[in-house]
Protein backbone atom coordinates (compact mmCIF):
# COMPACT_ATOMS: atom_id res chain seq x y z
CA MET A 1 20.34 -11.60 -40.56
CA ILE A 2 16.80 -11.15 -41.32
CA ARG A 3 15.39 -11.86 -38.46
CA ALA A 4 17.89 -9.62 -36.36
CA GLN A 5 16.82 -7.11 -38.58
CA TYR A 6 13.35 -7.96 -37.86
CA TRP A 7 13.64 -7.61 -34.44
CA ILE A 8 16.12 -4.28 -34.52
CA GLY A 9 13.14 -2.02 -36.76
CA LEU A 10 10.85 -3.60 -33.84
CA PHE A 11 12.59 -2.34 -31.44
CA LEU A 12 12.76 0.69 -32.88
CA THR A 13 9.04 1.11 -33.65
CA GLY A 14 8.39 0.79 -29.96
CA ALA A 15 6.10 -1.89 -31.41
CA VAL A 16 7.17 -5.04 -29.96
CA PHE A 17 4.97 -7.28 -27.57
CA ALA A 18 4.71 -10.44 -25.99
CA GLU A 19 3.43 -12.81 -28.20
CA THR A 20 1.38 -15.80 -26.53
CA GLY A 21 3.59 -18.57 -25.37
CA HIS A 22 5.98 -20.14 -23.12
CA PHE A 23 9.95 -19.72 -23.39
CA LEU A 24 10.54 -22.92 -23.28
CA ASP A 25 8.43 -23.57 -26.21
CA ILE A 26 11.46 -21.95 -27.88
CA ARG A 27 14.47 -23.43 -26.22
CA ARG A 28 15.03 -26.08 -23.06
CA PRO A 29 16.12 -25.95 -19.86
CA SER A 30 19.19 -24.56 -18.96
CA ARG A 31 19.87 -28.00 -16.91
CA GLU A 32 19.19 -30.15 -20.46
CA THR A 33 21.94 -28.52 -21.73
CA SER A 34 24.33 -28.88 -19.78
CA ASP A 35 26.83 -31.86 -19.29
CA LEU A 36 24.16 -32.67 -16.01
CA THR A 37 22.01 -35.73 -15.97
CA GLY A 38 19.23 -36.20 -12.77
CA LYS A 39 17.01 -33.53 -11.10
CA VAL A 40 20.08 -31.52 -9.64
CA LYS A 41 18.73 -28.76 -7.28
CA SER A 42 22.34 -26.72 -7.00
CA VAL A 43 26.00 -27.55 -8.28
CA GLU A 44 28.83 -25.49 -6.26
CA TYR A 45 32.26 -25.42 -8.33
CA ASP A 46 35.74 -24.74 -7.26
CA PHE A 47 38.46 -24.00 -9.80
CA CYS A 48 41.96 -24.38 -9.42
CA ARG A 49 44.69 -23.36 -12.17
CA ASN A 50 47.96 -25.36 -11.51
CA VAL A 51 47.39 -25.86 -8.23
CA SER A 52 48.08 -22.69 -6.72
CA ASP A 53 46.25 -21.96 -2.88
CA LYS A 54 44.08 -19.42 -5.20
CA HIS A 55 40.50 -20.60 -5.85
CA THR A 56 37.64 -18.92 -7.06
CA LYS A 57 34.18 -20.40 -7.22
CA SER A 58 30.85 -20.13 -8.58
CA ARG A 59 27.12 -21.93 -7.78
CA THR A 60 24.24 -22.27 -10.10
CA GLU A 61 20.50 -23.30 -8.61
CA TYR A 62 17.83 -24.85 -10.53
CA ASP A 63 14.33 -25.42 -10.15
CA GLU A 64 12.67 -28.57 -10.48
CA THR A 65 12.10 -28.34 -14.18
CA GLY A 66 15.98 -27.73 -14.63
CA ASN A 67 15.54 -23.78 -15.19
CA ILE A 68 18.24 -21.62 -13.68
CA LEU A 69 17.05 -19.90 -10.61
CA ASN A 70 20.40 -17.91 -9.79
CA THR A 71 23.90 -18.01 -10.08
CA THR A 72 27.13 -16.61 -7.86
CA ASP A 73 30.40 -16.39 -8.29
CA TRP A 74 33.26 -15.25 -5.91
CA ASP A 75 36.81 -14.52 -6.91
CA ASP A 76 39.82 -15.87 -5.34
CA GLU A 77 39.72 -13.49 -2.26
CA GLY A 78 36.33 -14.94 -1.19
CA LYS A 79 34.66 -11.87 -1.95
CA ILE A 80 31.05 -12.10 -4.35
CA SER A 81 32.20 -11.06 -8.13
CA ALA A 82 28.91 -11.21 -10.11
CA THR A 83 25.02 -12.16 -9.47
CA SER A 84 22.15 -13.20 -11.26
CA THR A 85 18.88 -14.04 -10.60
CA ASN A 86 16.06 -15.58 -13.18
CA PHE A 87 11.98 -14.65 -12.58
CA TYR A 88 9.49 -16.25 -13.11
CA ASP A 89 5.84 -15.82 -13.17
CA GLU A 90 3.09 -17.82 -11.78
CA ALA A 91 2.87 -20.22 -15.53
CA GLY A 92 6.59 -20.81 -14.94
CA ASN A 93 7.60 -18.32 -17.75
CA TRP A 94 11.09 -16.32 -17.89
CA ILE A 95 10.17 -13.08 -17.22
CA GLY A 96 13.32 -11.00 -16.20
CA GLN A 97 16.78 -11.23 -15.10
CA LEU A 98 18.91 -8.91 -12.70
CA GLU A 99 22.80 -9.18 -12.83
CA ILE A 100 25.01 -7.40 -10.74
CA ASP A 101 28.68 -7.66 -11.95
CA GLY A 102 30.40 -6.60 -8.26
CA LYS A 103 34.01 -5.91 -10.25
CA LYS A 104 33.18 -3.26 -12.31
CA GLY A 105 29.71 -1.58 -9.77
CA THR A 106 27.14 -2.13 -13.11
CA THR A 107 23.83 -3.17 -12.76
CA ASN A 108 21.50 -4.89 -15.63
CA ASP A 109 17.58 -5.62 -15.10
CA TRP A 110 17.02 -7.55 -17.78
CA GLU A 111 13.45 -7.42 -19.89
CA ILE A 112 12.39 -10.61 -21.01
CA ILE A 113 10.89 -10.51 -24.48
CA LEU A 114 9.70 -13.49 -26.71
CA ARG A 115 9.08 -14.24 -29.91
CA PRO A 116 7.59 -17.72 -30.80
CA ASP A 117 7.26 -17.33 -34.63
CA THR A 118 10.84 -16.67 -35.14
CA ARG A 119 12.12 -18.56 -32.16
CA GLN A 120 14.13 -16.04 -30.64
CA ILE A 121 14.30 -14.38 -26.95
CA ALA A 122 14.69 -10.82 -26.49
CA MET A 123 16.31 -9.31 -23.19
CA LYS A 124 16.73 -5.82 -22.78
CA SER A 125 18.44 -4.10 -20.28
CA ARG A 126 15.85 -1.25 -17.90
CA GLN A 127 18.75 0.75 -17.25
CA THR A 128 20.47 0.76 -20.80
CA GLY A 129 18.04 -0.17 -23.53
CA LYS A 130 21.18 -2.50 -24.77
CA ILE A 131 19.49 -5.44 -25.84
CA THR A 132 20.63 -9.28 -26.45
CA LEU A 133 18.90 -11.34 -28.84
CA ARG A 134 19.29 -15.03 -28.60
CA THR A 135 17.72 -17.35 -31.06
CA TYR A 136 17.13 -20.72 -31.40
CA SER A 137 17.23 -23.34 -34.02
CA PRO A 138 13.61 -25.93 -34.30
CA GLU A 139 15.63 -28.68 -31.95
CA LYS A 140 15.61 -25.79 -29.32
CA GLN A 141 19.26 -25.19 -29.42
CA LEU A 142 21.02 -22.52 -29.44
CA THR A 143 22.51 -21.09 -32.82
CA GLU A 144 23.11 -17.17 -32.35
CA THR A 145 23.68 -14.22 -29.58
CA ARG A 146 23.76 -10.88 -30.83
CA SER A 147 24.36 -8.15 -28.84
CA MET A 148 23.12 -4.42 -29.33
CA ASP A 149 23.69 -0.74 -28.40
CA THR A 150 20.93 1.93 -28.07
CA ASP A 151 21.39 2.51 -31.16
CA ARG A 152 20.45 -1.13 -32.76
CA LYS A 153 24.37 -1.58 -33.66
CA THR A 154 25.79 -4.89 -32.33
CA THR A 155 28.24 -4.65 -29.83
CA GLN A 156 28.86 -8.53 -30.47
CA LEU A 157 27.73 -11.97 -32.19
CA GLN A 158 28.19 -15.57 -31.12
CA ARG A 159 26.97 -18.16 -33.35
CA TYR A 160 27.11 -21.90 -32.72
CA THR A 161 26.14 -25.46 -34.79
CA TRP A 162 25.43 -28.79 -33.05
CA GLN A 163 25.22 -32.22 -34.48
CA ASN A 164 22.88 -34.80 -32.79
CA GLY A 165 22.52 -32.55 -29.92
CA GLU A 166 26.38 -32.05 -29.25
CA LYS A 167 27.68 -28.66 -29.57
CA GLN A 168 30.63 -29.26 -32.58
CA GLU A 169 31.70 -24.99 -32.76
CA TYR A 170 31.22 -21.58 -31.28
CA THR A 171 32.75 -18.66 -33.43
CA LYS A 172 32.82 -15.03 -31.97
CA PHE A 173 32.69 -12.39 -33.76
CA ASP A 174 33.96 -8.70 -32.96
CA GLU A 175 31.12 -5.33 -33.55
CA ARG A 176 32.59 -6.14 -37.75
CA GLU A 177 30.87 -9.16 -37.17
CA LYS A 178 34.62 -10.02 -38.25
CA PRO A 179 35.92 -13.69 -36.50
CA VAL A 180 37.85 -13.35 -33.49
CA TYR A 181 38.32 -17.26 -32.55
CA PHE A 182 36.57 -20.35 -33.28
CA TYR A 183 35.94 -23.34 -30.50
CA PHE A 184 35.78 -26.87 -32.63
CA TYR A 185 34.13 -29.35 -29.84
CA LYS A 186 34.47 -33.42 -29.50
CA TRP A 187 32.74 -35.55 -26.89
CA ASN A 188 33.07 -38.37 -25.20
CA ASP A 189 30.18 -41.56 -25.23
CA ASN A 190 28.53 -40.15 -22.34
CA GLY A 191 28.20 -36.79 -23.09
CA SER A 192 31.24 -34.97 -21.30
CA ILE A 193 33.47 -32.68 -23.29
CA ASN A 194 36.61 -34.57 -24.01
CA LYS A 195 38.44 -32.14 -26.22
CA GLU A 196 38.76 -27.89 -27.42
CA ARG A 197 40.16 -26.52 -30.14
CA VAL A 198 40.54 -22.98 -29.64
CA LYS A 199 41.87 -21.07 -32.97
CA TYR A 200 41.95 -17.39 -32.52
CA HIS A 201 41.59 -15.41 -36.26
CA GLN A 202 43.35 -12.29 -35.94
CA GLU A 203 46.04 -13.99 -33.84
CA THR A 204 48.28 -16.45 -35.07
CA LYS A 205 47.05 -18.58 -31.58
CA ASP A 206 46.08 -22.14 -31.67
CA ARG A 207 45.50 -24.19 -28.52
CA LEU A 208 43.86 -27.01 -27.38
CA HIS A 209 42.61 -27.94 -24.02
CA ILE A 210 41.85 -31.95 -23.08
CA TYR A 211 39.74 -33.13 -20.11
CA ASP A 212 40.12 -35.64 -18.11
CA TYR A 213 37.23 -36.79 -15.24
CA LEU A 214 38.65 -38.15 -12.13
CA ALA A 215 35.27 -39.20 -10.29
CA ARG A 216 31.73 -38.85 -10.90
CA ASP A 217 29.00 -39.77 -8.09
CA GLU A 218 26.49 -42.24 -8.29
CA ALA A 219 24.05 -40.22 -10.69
CA GLY A 220 27.21 -40.27 -13.44
CA ASN A 221 27.92 -36.41 -13.05
CA TRP A 222 31.26 -36.00 -12.92
CA ILE A 223 32.48 -34.06 -9.31
CA GLN A 224 36.47 -33.76 -10.56
CA GLN A 225 37.56 -32.36 -14.23
CA LEU A 226 40.97 -31.94 -15.09
CA MET A 227 41.75 -29.32 -18.12
CA VAL A 228 45.30 -28.69 -19.14
CA ARG A 229 46.01 -26.57 -22.27
CA TYR A 230 48.14 -26.81 -24.49
CA ASN A 231 49.81 -24.10 -27.54
CA ILE A 232 49.66 -25.78 -30.76
CA GLU A 233 51.45 -23.50 -33.39
CA GLY A 234 54.79 -25.31 -33.13
CA ASN A 235 55.64 -29.44 -33.97
CA GLU A 236 54.77 -30.04 -30.58
CA LYS A 237 52.10 -29.59 -27.87
CA VAL A 238 53.60 -27.33 -25.27
CA LYS A 239 51.71 -27.39 -22.04
CA GLU A 240 50.59 -24.29 -20.52
CA TYR A 241 48.56 -24.93 -17.56
CA GLU A 242 46.32 -27.16 -16.11
CA LYS A 243 43.00 -26.74 -14.39
CA ILE A 244 41.43 -28.84 -11.55
CA THR A 245 37.65 -28.37 -11.04
CA VAL A 246 36.00 -30.00 -7.84
CA ARG A 247 31.83 -30.13 -8.13
CA LYS A 248 29.80 -29.70 -5.10
CA ILE A 249 25.88 -31.61 -6.48
CA GLU A 250 22.93 -31.59 -4.80
CA TYR A 251 19.63 -33.13 -6.20
CA PHE A 252 15.80 -32.88 -5.90
CA GLU A 253 14.44 -35.90 -3.78
CA PRO A 254 12.02 -38.39 -5.27
CA ALA A 255 8.73 -37.99 -4.35
CA GLY A 256 8.11 -39.43 -1.09
CA GLY A 257 11.34 -38.93 0.71
CA THR A 258 14.91 -40.01 0.23
CA ASP A 259 15.52 -43.02 -1.33
CA GLU A 260 17.19 -45.55 1.40
């Protein structure tokens, strides 16, 4: 809370300046924090619920360091629903992000501001003045995301806990900083998610997600995943739906060309 208030005060006085340093001094590359191994260049996702003929899709592209260059989402009619593009300077430092929400018809051009001494990265919208403030641990793991309106009042808060490099809990709060729901995670030995439990604080809802991996590529990354969602409020698990995700992964070629 002290760090958030400190940042808010700086924004209010207009005294925010980017300190020297690099954003990777604060956080790890996005590819390293995902469930991907190897020099992944891009990932295409195909999502399908309950084996229907409706599919949503997404594509994420990375640079060689593992930073996200852009993401694109498509709806079940094949139309682009959202895009996000990151911008970096000559030193590879993250300096901006452009988000376009095709469904809402909104655009956010984010300015990136670094604060290495408090391990924080702020995103300030050039359109609205709204701020998203991310705080990281000394291990470069995301611990808090706080969204604020133009009056610097919290509109949404998210907190994360980690253990041995794996995310253990995620909590979403409302604008009053009251918890809305919790995620609890269990992981396989290979670093893939095994189970998620979702408990809703303001509702009597309790859900369980169980993951199974149907296929992996030569690098060990999964390319077919099954997730089944259960209602576990009663004495027995009641299946609500299942979701199949198929991934197509492209890798950077090793130095000297491709392996034979």
